Amino acid sequence: MKLRKAEAGATILDVGIQRFYELVRTGILPPGVVVRLGRQLRVDEDALIAWVQTGGQGLAGGWRKEADNSPRTVHPARPRSNHGRGTVA
């Protein structure tokens, strides 16, 4: 296991560092690829390369999470404000 900085992981994936952090935050990179050391992230280089070579899918449906079919709360519309500019036309 060879642990490298997050910047090295971003370079391997050919993405920016912020996109790399987003991939970690959303769970697209599977467990074992990224190791947390306190607040720091380290990347297992061998595991990341193996993940890419096997197709790179961390979630069902690829890079996007599958649709959430749970019921959503619908909030009633609030009246628009004219911010003191007279009447709304």
N, C-alpha and C. Protein backbone atom coordinates (compact mmCIF):
# COMPACT_ATOMS: atom_id res chain seq x y z
N MET A 1 0.85 -1.17 0.00
CA MET A 1 0.00 0.00 0.00
C MET A 1 0.89 1.24 0.00
N LYS A 2 0.69 2.08 -1.01
CA LYS A 2 1.47 3.30 -1.12
C LYS A 2 0.50 4.47 -1.00
N LEU A 3 0.55 5.19 0.14
CA LEU A 3 -0.35 6.31 0.36
C LEU A 3 0.26 7.59 -0.19
N ARG A 4 -0.54 8.30 -0.98
CA ARG A 4 -0.10 9.56 -1.59
C ARG A 4 -1.07 10.67 -1.20
N LYS A 5 -0.69 11.90 -1.44
CA LYS A 5 -1.56 13.03 -1.15
C LYS A 5 -2.73 13.08 -2.13
N ALA A 6 -3.76 13.83 -1.75
CA ALA A 6 -4.96 13.94 -2.59
C ALA A 6 -4.62 14.50 -3.97
N GLU A 7 -3.66 15.39 -4.04
CA GLU A 7 -3.27 15.97 -5.32
C GLU A 7 -2.79 14.90 -6.29
N ALA A 8 -2.11 13.88 -5.77
CA ALA A 8 -1.65 12.78 -6.62
C ALA A 8 -2.84 11.98 -7.15
N GLY A 9 -3.85 11.79 -6.30
CA GLY A 9 -5.06 11.10 -6.75
C GLY A 9 -5.78 11.87 -7.84
N ALA A 10 -5.83 13.19 -7.69
CA ALA A 10 -6.45 14.04 -8.71
C ALA A 10 -5.68 13.94 -10.02
N THR A 11 -4.37 13.88 -9.93
CA THR A 11 -3.53 13.76 -11.13
C THR A 11 -3.76 12.43 -11.83
N ILE A 12 -3.85 11.36 -11.06
CA ILE A 12 -4.09 10.03 -11.64
C ILE A 12 -5.43 10.01 -12.38
N LEU A 13 -6.46 10.65 -11.79
CA LEU A 13 -7.78 10.68 -12.42
C LEU A 13 -7.90 11.77 -13.48
N ASP A 14 -6.90 12.63 -13.56
CA ASP A 14 -6.90 13.75 -14.50
C ASP A 14 -8.10 14.67 -14.26
N VAL A 15 -8.32 15.00 -12.98
CA VAL A 15 -9.36 15.96 -12.58
C VAL A 15 -8.72 16.99 -11.66
N GLY A 16 -9.43 18.08 -11.44
CA GLY A 16 -8.95 19.09 -10.51
C GLY A 16 -9.08 18.60 -9.07
N ILE A 17 -8.39 19.27 -8.18
CA ILE A 17 -8.39 18.85 -6.78
C ILE A 17 -9.79 18.98 -6.16
N GLN A 18 -10.53 20.03 -6.52
CA GLN A 18 -11.87 20.19 -5.96
C GLN A 18 -12.80 19.08 -6.45
N ARG A 19 -12.68 18.67 -7.70
CA ARG A 19 -13.48 17.55 -8.23
C ARG A 19 -13.10 16.26 -7.51
N PHE A 20 -11.82 16.09 -7.22
CA PHE A 20 -11.38 14.90 -6.50
C PHE A 20 -12.03 14.85 -5.12
N TYR A 21 -12.01 15.99 -4.41
CA TYR A 21 -12.66 16.03 -3.09
C TYR A 21 -14.16 15.76 -3.20
N GLU A 22 -14.79 16.23 -4.28
CA GLU A 22 -16.21 15.96 -4.49
C GLU A 22 -16.46 14.46 -4.69
N LEU A 23 -15.58 13.80 -5.43
CA LEU A 23 -15.71 12.35 -5.63
C LEU A 23 -15.60 11.61 -4.31
N VAL A 24 -14.74 12.09 -3.43
CA VAL A 24 -14.60 11.47 -2.10
C VAL A 24 -15.85 11.74 -1.28
N ARG A 25 -16.29 13.01 -1.26
CA ARG A 25 -17.42 13.43 -0.43
C ARG A 25 -18.71 12.72 -0.82
N THR A 26 -18.93 12.52 -2.13
CA THR A 26 -20.16 11.89 -2.59
C THR A 26 -20.10 10.37 -2.53
N GLY A 27 -18.94 9.81 -2.20
CA GLY A 27 -18.84 8.36 -2.06
C GLY A 27 -18.61 7.64 -3.37
N ILE A 28 -18.26 8.36 -4.42
CA ILE A 28 -18.02 7.70 -5.70
C ILE A 28 -16.74 6.87 -5.65
N LEU A 29 -15.71 7.39 -4.99
CA LEU A 29 -14.51 6.58 -4.79
C LEU A 29 -14.79 5.54 -3.71
N PRO A 30 -14.59 4.27 -3.98
CA PRO A 30 -14.97 3.22 -3.04
C PRO A 30 -14.08 3.19 -1.80
N PRO A 31 -14.58 2.57 -0.73
CA PRO A 31 -13.77 2.42 0.49
C PRO A 31 -12.48 1.69 0.17
N GLY A 32 -11.43 2.11 0.82
CA GLY A 32 -10.13 1.49 0.59
C GLY A 32 -9.24 2.28 -0.34
N VAL A 33 -9.85 3.12 -1.18
CA VAL A 33 -9.06 3.96 -2.07
C VAL A 33 -8.58 5.19 -1.33
N VAL A 34 -9.46 5.76 -0.51
CA VAL A 34 -9.13 6.98 0.23
C VAL A 34 -9.06 6.65 1.72
N VAL A 35 -7.99 7.10 2.36
CA VAL A 35 -7.78 6.89 3.79
C VAL A 35 -7.75 8.25 4.46
N ARG A 36 -8.50 8.41 5.52
CA ARG A 36 -8.48 9.67 6.27
C ARG A 36 -7.50 9.56 7.44
N LEU A 37 -6.64 10.55 7.52
CA LEU A 37 -5.71 10.66 8.64
C LEU A 37 -6.05 11.97 9.33
N GLY A 38 -6.97 11.90 10.29
CA GLY A 38 -7.47 13.12 10.90
C GLY A 38 -8.27 13.89 9.87
N ARG A 39 -7.86 15.12 9.58
CA ARG A 39 -8.54 15.94 8.56
C ARG A 39 -7.92 15.77 7.19
N GLN A 40 -6.83 15.05 7.10
CA GLN A 40 -6.14 14.89 5.83
C GLN A 40 -6.63 13.64 5.09
N LEU A 41 -6.57 13.70 3.77
CA LEU A 41 -6.90 12.55 2.94
C LEU A 41 -5.62 12.01 2.33
N ARG A 42 -5.53 10.72 2.30
CA ARG A 42 -4.44 10.05 1.59
C ARG A 42 -5.07 9.04 0.65
N VAL A 43 -4.42 8.81 -0.46
CA VAL A 43 -4.94 7.94 -1.50
C VAL A 43 -4.04 6.72 -1.62
N ASP A 44 -4.65 5.54 -1.61
CA ASP A 44 -3.90 4.32 -1.88
C ASP A 44 -3.75 4.24 -3.39
N GLU A 45 -2.56 4.55 -3.87
CA GLU A 45 -2.31 4.65 -5.30
C GLU A 45 -2.65 3.36 -6.04
N ASP A 46 -2.25 2.22 -5.50
CA ASP A 46 -2.51 0.95 -6.15
C ASP A 46 -4.01 0.66 -6.23
N ALA A 47 -4.74 0.94 -5.15
CA ALA A 47 -6.19 0.70 -5.14
C ALA A 47 -6.90 1.64 -6.11
N LEU A 48 -6.44 2.89 -6.22
CA LEU A 48 -7.06 3.84 -7.14
C LEU A 48 -6.83 3.40 -8.59
N ILE A 49 -5.62 2.97 -8.91
CA ILE A 49 -5.34 2.51 -10.27
C ILE A 49 -6.15 1.25 -10.59
N ALA A 50 -6.27 0.34 -9.62
CA ALA A 50 -7.07 -0.87 -9.83
C ALA A 50 -8.54 -0.51 -10.05
N TRP A 51 -9.05 0.47 -9.30
CA TRP A 51 -10.44 0.91 -9.44
C TRP A 51 -10.68 1.48 -10.85
N VAL A 52 -9.74 2.27 -11.33
CA VAL A 52 -9.87 2.85 -12.67
C VAL A 52 -9.82 1.74 -13.72
N GLN A 53 -8.92 0.77 -13.57
CA GLN A 53 -8.77 -0.30 -14.56
C GLN A 53 -9.97 -1.23 -14.60
N THR A 54 -10.74 -1.32 -13.50
CA THR A 54 -11.92 -2.18 -13.49
C THR A 54 -13.19 -1.44 -13.89
N GLY A 55 -13.05 -0.24 -14.38
CA GLY A 55 -14.22 0.48 -14.88
C GLY A 55 -14.54 1.74 -14.12
N GLY A 56 -14.06 1.87 -12.91
CA GLY A 56 -14.24 3.09 -12.18
C GLY A 56 -15.62 3.39 -11.67
N GLN A 57 -16.50 2.40 -11.57
CA GLN A 57 -17.84 2.67 -11.06
C GLN A 57 -17.89 2.40 -9.57
N GLY A 58 -18.12 3.45 -8.80
CA GLY A 58 -18.24 3.31 -7.37
C GLY A 58 -19.68 3.22 -6.91
N LEU A 59 -20.60 3.74 -7.72
CA LEU A 59 -22.02 3.72 -7.38
C LEU A 59 -22.80 3.08 -8.51
N ALA A 60 -23.93 2.48 -8.16
CA ALA A 60 -24.80 1.96 -9.21
C ALA A 60 -25.25 3.13 -10.07
N GLY A 61 -25.19 2.98 -11.36
CA GLY A 61 -25.58 4.06 -12.25
C GLY A 61 -24.41 4.92 -12.69
N GLY A 62 -23.19 4.61 -12.26
CA GLY A 62 -22.03 5.35 -12.72
C GLY A 62 -21.73 6.57 -11.87
N TRP A 63 -21.44 7.68 -12.55
CA TRP A 63 -20.98 8.87 -11.86
C TRP A 63 -22.08 9.60 -11.11
N ARG A 64 -23.33 9.28 -11.38
CA ARG A 64 -24.43 9.93 -10.68
C ARG A 64 -25.13 8.91 -9.80
N LYS A 65 -25.59 9.37 -8.66
CA LYS A 65 -26.34 8.47 -7.78
C LYS A 65 -27.69 8.18 -8.43
N GLU A 66 -28.23 7.00 -8.14
CA GLU A 66 -29.54 6.66 -8.67
C GLU A 66 -30.58 7.60 -8.08
N ALA A 67 -31.66 7.79 -8.79
CA ALA A 67 -32.72 8.70 -8.35
C ALA A 67 -33.29 8.25 -7.01
N ASP A 68 -33.50 9.21 -6.16
CA ASP A 68 -34.09 8.94 -4.86
C ASP A 68 -35.60 8.99 -5.02
N ASN A 69 -36.29 7.87 -4.76
CA ASN A 69 -37.73 7.80 -4.96
C ASN A 69 -38.52 8.10 -3.70
N SER A 70 -37.87 8.64 -2.68
CA SER A 70 -38.59 8.96 -1.45
C SER A 70 -39.46 10.19 -1.68
N PRO A 71 -40.61 10.25 -0.98
CA PRO A 71 -41.49 11.41 -1.16
C PRO A 71 -40.82 12.69 -0.69
N ARG A 72 -41.04 13.74 -1.42
CA ARG A 72 -40.44 15.03 -1.11
C ARG A 72 -41.49 15.95 -0.49
N THR A 73 -41.03 16.81 0.40
CA THR A 73 -41.92 17.78 1.02
C THR A 73 -42.09 18.95 0.06
N VAL A 74 -43.33 19.30 -0.19
CA VAL A 74 -43.61 20.42 -1.07
C VAL A 74 -44.02 21.59 -0.20
N HIS A 75 -43.32 22.69 -0.35
CA HIS A 75 -43.61 23.88 0.43
C HIS A 75 -44.50 24.80 -0.39
N PRO A 76 -45.54 25.39 0.23
CA PRO A 76 -46.40 26.31 -0.51
C PRO A 76 -45.61 27.54 -0.93
N ALA A 77 -46.00 28.09 -2.07
CA ALA A 77 -45.31 29.27 -2.58
C ALA A 77 -45.58 30.46 -1.67
N ARG A 78 -44.53 31.25 -1.43
CA ARG A 78 -44.69 32.46 -0.64
C ARG A 78 -45.01 33.61 -1.58
N PRO A 79 -45.77 34.60 -1.10
CA PRO A 79 -46.04 35.76 -1.96
C PRO A 79 -44.74 36.49 -2.29
N ARG A 80 -44.64 36.98 -3.51
CA ARG A 80 -43.45 37.70 -3.92
C ARG A 80 -43.40 39.06 -3.27
N SER A 81 -42.23 39.48 -2.95
CA SER A 81 -42.03 40.80 -2.36
C SER A 81 -41.55 41.76 -3.44
N ASN A 82 -42.03 43.00 -3.37
CA ASN A 82 -41.56 43.99 -4.33
C ASN A 82 -40.48 44.87 -3.73
N HIS A 83 -40.06 44.54 -2.52
CA HIS A 83 -38.97 45.22 -1.82
C HIS A 83 -39.17 46.73 -1.76
N GLY A 84 -40.42 47.17 -1.52
CA GLY A 84 -40.71 48.59 -1.34
C GLY A 84 -40.69 49.41 -2.62
N ARG A 85 -40.86 48.75 -3.78
CA ARG A 85 -40.81 49.47 -5.05
C ARG A 85 -42.20 49.72 -5.64
N GLY A 86 -43.18 49.90 -4.81
CA GLY A 86 -44.53 50.15 -5.33
C GLY A 86 -45.25 48.84 -5.59
N THR A 87 -46.22 48.86 -6.46
CA THR A 87 -47.03 47.68 -6.73
C THR A 87 -46.36 46.78 -7.74
N VAL A 88 -46.70 45.52 -7.68
CA VAL A 88 -46.17 44.54 -8.62
C VAL A 88 -47.06 44.53 -9.83
N ALA A 89 -46.49 44.70 -11.00
CA ALA A 89 -47.30 44.76 -12.24
C ALA A 89 -47.69 43.39 -12.70
